[in-house]
Amino acid sequence: MRSVATLCPFLNETKPSLKINLERKIFTGSAVKGDIIKFVALMEKETRLAKAAEVLARICGIPPADEGGTPAEPCGASVASPSERQSDASPPVPAVVNPPLTFTPKLEPNHPYLDARNVKLAERETFGLGYCDCGMMRGRIAIPIHNERGELVA
């Protein structure tokens, strides 16, 4: 596990107490812990995680959802001028692609847990929610996730 220790930016200290796990992308300090969005929220003194995520996206060069397009630079890259970006010969960062699942889970939409949570039957059918009674999801409520082509990926 790769991790680093540094001075906590949220405390006035002289010894490193903030540990950052680079593989899991989380941090733990004396009084705080969380993921990168929580870190940005704390640094920016933002109470809404959605706003902190927008700040993080801006830092990473990811345009707002309504603008579309692709990020100018991968997250963590230095910000370059347009002319510098065009002369950069590094290959593009490949997108993460989840392959379609080779099975379809059998989910029961009529389950008492969903009834107790007041999840309407129409919502269950629209999103494919249901109780799974077999395989690795046994005993859990499952939410199927599809890619842009409608293939089940998670």
Protein backbone atom coordinates (compact mmCIF):
# COMPACT_ATOMS: atom_id res chain seq x y z
CA MET A 1 0.00 0.00 0.00
CA ARG A 2 1.51 3.29 -1.10
CA SER A 3 0.87 6.13 1.29
CA VAL A 4 2.43 9.41 2.29
CA ALA A 5 2.31 11.51 5.45
CA THR A 6 2.21 15.29 5.40
CA LEU A 7 1.29 18.27 7.53
CA CYS A 8 -2.46 18.53 7.89
CA PRO A 9 -3.70 21.71 6.18
CA PHE A 10 -6.66 21.82 8.59
CA LEU A 11 -4.57 21.98 11.77
CA ASN A 12 -1.68 24.16 12.96
CA GLU A 13 0.97 21.46 13.43
CA THR A 14 4.70 20.86 13.14
CA LYS A 15 4.69 17.06 12.67
CA PRO A 16 3.04 15.27 9.74
CA SER A 17 -0.27 13.73 10.84
CA LEU A 18 -2.26 13.57 7.60
CA LYS A 19 -1.85 10.22 5.86
CA ILE A 20 -2.82 9.90 2.19
CA ASN A 21 -3.39 6.43 0.74
CA LEU A 22 -2.47 6.87 -2.92
CA GLU A 23 -3.96 3.56 -4.06
CA ARG A 24 -7.34 3.96 -2.37
CA LYS A 25 -7.35 7.75 -2.91
CA ILE A 26 -8.38 8.53 0.66
CA PHE A 27 -6.92 10.59 3.50
CA THR A 28 -6.92 10.21 7.28
CA GLY A 29 -5.91 12.85 9.79
CA SER A 30 -6.26 13.50 13.50
CA ALA A 31 -9.67 15.11 13.13
CA VAL A 32 -10.65 14.47 9.50
CA LYS A 33 -10.88 11.67 6.95
CA GLY A 34 -12.46 11.07 3.57
CA ASP A 35 -11.93 10.93 -0.18
CA ILE A 36 -10.70 13.54 -2.63
CA ILE A 37 -14.07 15.29 -2.86
CA LYS A 38 -14.26 15.59 0.93
CA PHE A 39 -10.68 16.95 0.93
CA VAL A 40 -11.59 19.63 -1.62
CA ALA A 41 -14.75 20.45 0.36
CA LEU A 42 -12.69 20.97 3.52
CA MET A 43 -10.03 23.03 1.73
CA GLU A 44 -12.63 25.24 0.07
CA LYS A 45 -14.79 25.41 3.23
CA GLU A 46 -17.68 24.08 1.14
CA THR A 47 -20.45 22.21 2.95
CA ARG A 48 -22.06 20.83 -0.23
CA LEU A 49 -20.18 17.91 -1.77
CA ALA A 50 -21.71 18.59 -5.18
CA LYS A 51 -20.11 22.06 -5.19
CA ALA A 52 -16.80 20.55 -4.06
CA ALA A 53 -17.04 18.06 -6.93
CA GLU A 54 -17.54 20.97 -9.35
CA VAL A 55 -14.41 22.65 -7.95
CA LEU A 56 -12.47 19.39 -8.32
CA ALA A 57 -13.70 18.97 -11.90
CA ARG A 58 -12.56 22.52 -12.69
CA ILE A 59 -9.11 21.78 -11.14
CA CYS A 60 -8.86 18.65 -13.32
CA GLY A 61 -9.95 20.48 -16.47
CA ILE A 62 -13.26 18.63 -16.75
CA PRO A 63 -15.96 20.85 -18.27
CA PRO A 64 -19.34 21.13 -16.54
CA ALA A 65 -21.87 18.50 -17.63
CA ASP A 66 -23.97 20.99 -19.58
CA GLU A 67 -20.96 22.03 -21.69
CA GLY A 68 -20.03 18.49 -22.75
CA GLY A 69 -16.71 17.73 -24.37
CA THR A 70 -13.66 16.03 -22.92
CA PRO A 71 -11.27 17.24 -20.26
CA ALA A 72 -8.41 19.43 -21.43
CA GLU A 73 -5.92 17.51 -19.27
CA PRO A 74 -6.15 14.35 -17.16
CA CYS A 75 -6.68 14.95 -13.44
CA GLY A 76 -3.42 15.78 -11.72
CA ALA A 77 -1.78 17.16 -14.86
CA SER A 78 -0.39 20.66 -14.87
CA VAL A 79 -2.50 23.27 -16.58
CA ALA A 80 -0.97 24.18 -19.94
CA SER A 81 -1.80 26.86 -22.44
CA PRO A 82 -3.63 25.77 -25.63
CA SER A 83 -0.41 26.06 -27.68
CA GLU A 84 1.48 23.92 -25.14
CA ARG A 85 -1.30 21.31 -25.18
CA GLN A 86 -1.15 21.01 -28.97
CA SER A 87 2.62 20.40 -28.90
CA ASP A 88 2.34 17.74 -26.18
CA ALA A 89 3.21 14.39 -27.79
CA SER A 90 2.02 12.22 -24.90
CA PRO A 91 -0.65 9.64 -25.80
CA PRO A 92 -4.22 10.27 -24.65
CA VAL A 93 -5.35 8.67 -21.40
CA PRO A 94 -7.58 5.67 -22.25
CA ALA A 95 -11.10 5.74 -20.85
CA VAL A 96 -12.10 3.11 -18.31
CA VAL A 97 -14.54 0.71 -19.94
CA ASN A 98 -16.58 -1.83 -18.03
CA PRO A 99 -17.29 -4.85 -20.23
CA PRO A 100 -20.91 -6.06 -20.33
CA LEU A 101 -21.78 -8.72 -17.77
CA THR A 102 -22.14 -12.26 -19.06
CA PHE A 103 -25.24 -12.89 -16.95
CA THR A 104 -28.44 -11.13 -15.98
CA PRO A 105 -29.29 -11.18 -12.28
CA LYS A 106 -32.78 -12.35 -11.38
CA LEU A 107 -34.17 -9.58 -9.19
CA GLU A 108 -37.47 -9.64 -7.32
CA PRO A 109 -39.06 -6.16 -7.38
CA ASN A 110 -41.81 -7.15 -4.89
CA HIS A 111 -39.80 -7.33 -1.70
CA PRO A 112 -40.84 -6.16 1.80
CA TYR A 113 -37.66 -4.08 2.22
CA LEU A 114 -38.56 -1.95 -0.81
CA ASP A 115 -42.13 -1.68 0.48
CA ALA A 116 -40.86 -0.52 3.88
CA ARG A 117 -38.73 2.14 2.16
CA ASN A 118 -41.76 3.37 0.18
CA VAL A 119 -40.11 2.67 -3.17
CA LYS A 120 -42.95 2.77 -5.69
CA LEU A 121 -43.44 -0.21 -7.99
CA ALA A 122 -43.12 2.07 -11.03
CA GLU A 123 -39.68 3.24 -9.78
CA ARG A 124 -38.62 -0.36 -9.19
CA GLU A 125 -39.60 -1.29 -12.74
CA THR A 126 -38.09 1.85 -14.31
CA PHE A 127 -34.70 1.34 -12.66
CA GLY A 128 -34.80 -2.47 -12.47
CA LEU A 129 -34.44 -2.47 -8.66
CA GLY A 130 -34.98 -5.71 -6.85
CA TYR A 131 -34.00 -8.22 -4.20
CA CYS A 132 -31.43 -10.79 -5.28
CA ASP A 133 -31.59 -14.27 -3.75
CA CYS A 134 -28.64 -15.95 -5.48
CA GLY A 135 -24.99 -15.48 -6.34
CA MET A 136 -22.67 -12.87 -4.87
CA MET A 137 -25.52 -10.37 -4.46
CA ARG A 138 -27.64 -12.82 -2.42
CA GLY A 139 -29.66 -11.10 0.29
CA ARG A 140 -29.17 -7.61 -1.14
CA ILE A 141 -31.16 -5.04 -3.02
CA ALA A 142 -29.51 -4.58 -6.42
CA ILE A 143 -29.50 -1.61 -8.77
CA PRO A 144 -28.52 -2.63 -12.32
CA ILE A 145 -26.14 -0.22 -14.07
CA HIS A 146 -26.09 0.01 -17.86
CA ASN A 147 -23.58 1.68 -20.17
CA GLU A 148 -24.51 4.18 -22.89
CA ARG A 149 -25.35 1.28 -25.23
CA GLY A 150 -27.83 -0.18 -22.72
CA GLU A 151 -25.58 -3.14 -21.83
CA LEU A 152 -25.59 -4.31 -18.19
CA VAL A 153 -22.13 -3.54 -16.76
CA ALA A 154 -22.64 -3.58 -12.97
